[in-house]
C-alpha atoms as a PDB file:
ATOM      1  CA  UNK A   1       0.000   0.000   0.000  1.00  0.00           C
ATOM      2  CA  UNK A   2       1.142   3.526  -0.657  1.00  0.00           C
ATOM      3  CA  UNK A   3       1.061   6.569   1.612  1.00  0.00           C
ATOM      4  CA  UNK A   4      -2.022   7.784  -0.298  1.00  0.00           C
ATOM      5  CA  UNK A   5      -4.035   4.888   1.169  1.00  0.00           C
ATOM      6  CA  UNK A   6      -3.741   6.287   4.717  1.00  0.00           C
ATOM      7  CA  UNK A   7      -4.325   9.535   6.548  1.00  0.00           C
ATOM      8  CA  UNK A   8      -1.221   8.768   8.604  1.00  0.00           C
ATOM      9  CA  UNK A   9       1.465   6.163   8.173  1.00  0.00           C
ATOM     10  CA  UNK A  10       3.979   5.633  10.973  1.00  0.00           C
ATOM     11  CA  UNK A  11       6.830   3.199  10.486  1.00  0.00           C
ATOM     12  CA  UNK A  12       7.650   1.568  13.826  1.00  0.00           C
ATOM     13  CA  UNK A  13      10.591  -0.808  14.134  1.00  0.00           C
ATOM     14  CA  UNK A  14      10.839  -3.335  16.981  1.00  0.00           C
ATOM     15  CA  UNK A  15      14.405  -4.111  17.994  1.00  0.00           C
ATOM     16  CA  UNK A  16      16.010  -6.226  20.693  1.00  0.00           C
ATOM     17  CA  UNK A  17      17.619  -9.607  21.216  1.00  0.00           C
ATOM     18  CA  UNK A  18      16.044 -12.747  19.793  1.00  0.00           C
ATOM     19  CA  UNK A  19      13.413 -14.275  22.070  1.00  0.00           C
ATOM     20  CA  UNK A  20      12.661 -11.205  24.226  1.00  0.00           C
ATOM     21  CA  UNK A  21       9.019 -10.887  23.134  1.00  0.00           C
ATOM     22  CA  UNK A  22       9.022  -8.601  20.079  1.00  0.00           C
ATOM     23  CA  UNK A  23       6.642 -10.789  18.089  1.00  0.00           C
ATOM     24  CA  UNK A  24       4.313 -11.204  21.086  1.00  0.00           C
ATOM     25  CA  UNK A  25       4.166  -7.423  21.397  1.00  0.00           C
ATOM     26  CA  UNK A  26       3.270  -7.066  17.703  1.00  0.00           C
ATOM     27  CA  UNK A  27       0.433  -9.563  18.046  1.00  0.00           C
ATOM     28  CA  UNK A  28      -1.221  -7.329  20.662  1.00  0.00           C
ATOM     29  CA  UNK A  29      -1.776  -4.555  18.104  1.00  0.00           C
ATOM     30  CA  UNK A  30      -4.233  -4.298  15.240  1.00  0.00           C
ATOM     31  CA  UNK A  31      -4.326  -1.994  12.236  1.00  0.00           C
ATOM     32  CA  UNK A  32      -0.669  -1.094  12.608  1.00  0.00           C
ATOM     33  CA  UNK A  33       2.237  -1.534  10.258  1.00  0.00           C
ATOM     34  CA  UNK A  34       4.948  -2.774  12.603  1.00  0.00           C
ATOM     35  CA  UNK A  35       8.257  -4.093  11.319  1.00  0.00           C
ATOM     36  CA  UNK A  36       9.277  -6.953  13.612  1.00  0.00           C
ATOM     37  CA  UNK A  37      13.028  -7.421  13.194  1.00  0.00           C
ATOM     38  CA  UNK A  38      15.150 -10.488  13.812  1.00  0.00           C
ATOM     39  CA  UNK A  39      17.408 -10.093  16.835  1.00  0.00           C
ATOM     40  CA  UNK A  40      20.231 -12.285  15.563  1.00  0.00           C
ATOM     41  CA  UNK A  41      23.587 -10.702  14.688  1.00  0.00           C
ATOM     42  CA  UNK A  42      23.521 -12.016  11.101  1.00  0.00           C
ATOM     43  CA  UNK A  43      20.452  -9.857  10.352  1.00  0.00           C
ATOM     44  CA  UNK A  44      21.826  -6.715  12.018  1.00  0.00           C
ATOM     45  CA  UNK A  45      22.719  -4.905   8.759  1.00  0.00           C
ATOM     46  CA  UNK A  46      19.184  -5.430   7.444  1.00  0.00           C
ATOM     47  CA  UNK A  47      17.692  -4.141  10.694  1.00  0.00           C
ATOM     48  CA  UNK A  48      19.892  -1.032  10.579  1.00  0.00           C
ATOM     49  CA  UNK A  49      18.461  -0.081   7.179  1.00  0.00           C
ATOM     50  CA  UNK A  50      14.959   0.005   8.736  1.00  0.00           C
ATOM     51  CA  UNK A  51      15.982   2.676  11.247  1.00  0.00           C
ATOM     52  CA  UNK A  52      16.428   5.510   8.727  1.00  0.00           C
ATOM     53  CA  UNK A  53      12.768   6.049   7.876  1.00  0.00           C
ATOM     54  CA  UNK A  54      11.220   4.861  11.146  1.00  0.00           C
ATOM     55  CA  UNK A  55       8.916   7.206  13.054  1.00  0.00           C
ATOM     56  CA  UNK A  56       9.360   5.197  16.247  1.00  0.00           C
ATOM     57  CA  UNK A  57      11.559   2.424  17.593  1.00  0.00           C
ATOM     58  CA  UNK A  58      10.396   0.068  20.309  1.00  0.00           C
ATOM     59  CA  UNK A  59      13.426  -1.436  22.028  1.00  0.00           C
ATOM     60  CA  UNK A  60      12.427  -4.613  23.856  1.00  0.00           C
ATOM     61  CA  UNK A  61      14.144  -6.816  26.388  1.00  0.00           C
ATOM     62  CA  UNK A  62      13.155  -9.778  28.555  1.00  0.00           C
ATOM     63  CA  UNK A  63      12.966  -8.747  32.223  1.00  0.00           C
ATOM     64  CA  UNK A  64      13.809 -12.321  33.225  1.00  0.00           C
ATOM     65  CA  UNK A  65      16.980 -12.393  31.083  1.00  0.00           C
ATOM     66  CA  UNK A  66      19.864 -10.278  32.342  1.00  0.00           C
ATOM     67  CA  UNK A  67      21.777 -10.796  29.081  1.00  0.00           C
ATOM     68  CA  UNK A  68      19.049  -9.079  27.052  1.00  0.00           C
ATOM     69  CA  UNK A  69      19.162  -6.136  29.502  1.00  0.00           C
ATOM     70  CA  UNK A  70      22.953  -5.893  29.184  1.00  0.00           C
ATOM     71  CA  UNK A  71      22.603  -5.626  25.389  1.00  0.00           C
ATOM     72  CA  UNK A  72      20.482  -2.448  25.631  1.00  0.00           C
ATOM     73  CA  UNK A  73      23.462  -0.034  25.343  1.00  0.00           C
ATOM     74  CA  UNK A  74      24.496  -1.756  22.099  1.00  0.00           C
ATOM     75  CA  UNK A  75      20.995  -1.332  20.663  1.00  0.00           C
ATOM     76  CA  UNK A  76      20.924   2.310  21.797  1.00  0.00           C
ATOM     77  CA  UNK A  77      24.245   2.969  20.032  1.00  0.00           C
ATOM     78  CA  UNK A  78      22.745   1.560  16.831  1.00  0.00           C
ATOM     79  CA  UNK A  79      19.741   3.837  17.195  1.00  0.00           C
ATOM     80  CA  UNK A  80      22.010   6.859  17.635  1.00  0.00           C
ATOM     81  CA  UNK A  81      24.085   5.846  14.626  1.00  0.00           C
ATOM     82  CA  UNK A  82      21.387   4.872  12.110  1.00  0.00           C
ATOM     83  CA  UNK A  83      18.051   6.441  13.118  1.00  0.00           C
ATOM     84  CA  UNK A  84      16.752   9.908  12.405  1.00  0.00           C
ATOM     85  CA  UNK A  85      17.446  12.315  15.285  1.00  0.00           C
ATOM     86  CA  UNK A  86      13.695  12.934  15.717  1.00  0.00           C
ATOM     87  CA  UNK A  87      12.749   9.260  16.088  1.00  0.00           C
ATOM     88  CA  UNK A  88      10.693   8.354  19.154  1.00  0.00           C
ATOM     89  CA  UNK A  89      12.362   5.542  21.107  1.00  0.00           C
ATOM     90  CA  UNK A  90      10.360   3.474  23.588  1.00  0.00           C
ATOM     91  CA  UNK A  91      11.886   0.927  25.973  1.00  0.00           C
ATOM     92  CA  UNK A  92       9.652  -2.044  26.834  1.00  0.00           C
ATOM     93  CA  UNK A  93      10.558  -4.729  29.374  1.00  0.00           C
ATOM     94  CA  UNK A  94       8.583  -7.923  28.846  1.00  0.00           C
ATOM     95  CA  UNK A  95       8.406 -11.477  30.053  1.00  0.00           C
ATOM     96  CA  UNK A  96       8.937 -13.478  26.879  1.00  0.00           C
ATOM     97  CA  UNK A  97       6.322 -16.138  26.274  1.00  0.00           C
ATOM     98  CA  UNK A  98       7.308 -18.512  23.527  1.00  0.00           C
ATOM     99  CA  UNK A  99       4.401 -19.347  21.266  1.00  0.00           C
ATOM    100  CA  UNK A 100       4.565 -22.838  19.798  1.00  0.00           C
END
């Protein structure tokens, strides 16, 4: 769909380690275009390209996983490096529930 199909179009990118609950967070929303990124290192360059035109970034981590919390500064550095300076950044701590 093009921008003409909407009154407003906000590009929101979810970032964070793999398994911290990004996809679960997306499934809670309806009528939103949310780009759910892979948290693995091998996809990092693809994820970085999403930052440039994002209106908002939702940085997620698993509150039961200290390692995902320790990775937050790395994700924040990426945001500073690749995102627009006016991007809204939201930090969300979740308990990751793995959907089978």
